[in-house]
């Protein structure tokens, strides 16, 4: 009989759980900041682009980074 099978699963220490919660919260805040940043860029482009002008939004991914570009005429 295998004694390892009878052992309960190892739980991460409370400090690791807290760290995971902190990471999740930091990601949520980062997402909110990114949304506000993109909204601000779009608002500026809409405000400063003359009638008939064009606003282009592109997003590209390179490795673990995201590049968002807003251009206007």
Protein backbone atom coordinates (compact mmCIF):
# COMPACT_ATOMS: atom_id res chain seq x y z
CA UNK A 1 0.00 0.00 0.00
CA UNK A 2 1.25 3.48 -0.88
CA UNK A 3 1.40 5.77 2.17
CA UNK A 4 1.60 8.87 -0.05
CA UNK A 5 -1.92 8.30 -1.37
CA UNK A 6 -3.34 8.54 2.15
CA UNK A 7 -1.78 11.95 2.80
CA UNK A 8 -4.00 15.06 2.43
CA UNK A 9 -2.98 17.48 -0.30
CA UNK A 10 -0.41 20.03 0.74
CA UNK A 11 -1.99 23.45 1.20
CA UNK A 12 0.04 26.57 0.47
CA UNK A 13 0.88 28.61 3.55
CA UNK A 14 -1.44 31.49 4.45
CA UNK A 15 1.22 33.97 3.36
CA UNK A 16 1.14 32.49 -0.16
CA UNK A 17 -2.66 32.73 -0.25
CA UNK A 18 -2.42 36.35 0.83
CA UNK A 19 0.17 36.97 -1.87
CA UNK A 20 -2.11 35.41 -4.48
CA UNK A 21 -4.95 37.66 -3.33
CA UNK A 22 -2.65 40.66 -3.51
CA UNK A 23 -1.60 39.71 -7.03
CA UNK A 24 -5.24 39.37 -8.08
CA UNK A 25 -6.04 42.78 -6.60
CA UNK A 26 -3.02 44.37 -8.28
CA UNK A 27 -4.12 42.89 -11.62
CA UNK A 28 -7.63 44.26 -11.11
CA UNK A 29 -6.28 47.74 -10.31
CA UNK A 30 -3.91 47.55 -13.28
CA UNK A 31 -6.81 46.64 -15.56
CA UNK A 32 -8.82 49.60 -14.28
CA UNK A 33 -5.86 51.94 -14.86
CA UNK A 34 -5.37 50.57 -18.38
CA UNK A 35 -9.07 51.11 -19.15
CA UNK A 36 -8.87 54.69 -17.89
CA UNK A 37 -5.71 55.31 -19.93
CA UNK A 38 -7.25 54.05 -23.18
CA UNK A 39 -10.45 56.01 -22.49
CA UNK A 40 -8.38 59.16 -21.97
CA UNK A 41 -6.44 58.61 -25.21
CA UNK A 42 -9.67 58.10 -27.15
CA UNK A 43 -11.30 61.13 -25.52
CA UNK A 44 -8.32 63.29 -26.48
CA UNK A 45 -8.33 61.96 -30.05
CA UNK A 46 -12.07 62.63 -30.40
CA UNK A 47 -11.72 66.12 -28.97
CA UNK A 48 -8.76 67.15 -31.14
CA UNK A 49 -9.55 65.43 -34.43
CA UNK A 50 -11.30 67.73 -36.88
CA UNK A 51 -14.56 66.73 -38.57
CA UNK A 52 -13.84 64.20 -41.29
CA UNK A 53 -10.60 63.17 -39.60
CA UNK A 54 -9.67 59.61 -38.77
CA UNK A 55 -8.82 57.95 -35.46
CA UNK A 56 -7.01 54.64 -35.58
CA UNK A 57 -6.56 52.35 -32.58
CA UNK A 58 -4.19 49.40 -32.82
CA UNK A 59 -3.13 46.86 -30.25
CA UNK A 60 -0.19 44.56 -30.74
CA UNK A 61 1.30 41.93 -28.51
CA UNK A 62 4.99 41.18 -28.19
CA UNK A 63 5.96 38.46 -25.73
CA UNK A 64 4.37 39.50 -22.43
CA UNK A 65 3.71 43.13 -23.39
CA UNK A 66 0.74 44.85 -24.99
CA UNK A 67 1.19 47.99 -27.06
CA UNK A 68 -1.87 50.18 -27.62
CA UNK A 69 -1.51 53.01 -30.13
CA UNK A 70 -4.04 55.73 -30.85
CA UNK A 71 -3.36 57.98 -33.84
CA UNK A 72 -5.49 60.73 -35.29
CA UNK A 73 -5.34 63.11 -38.25
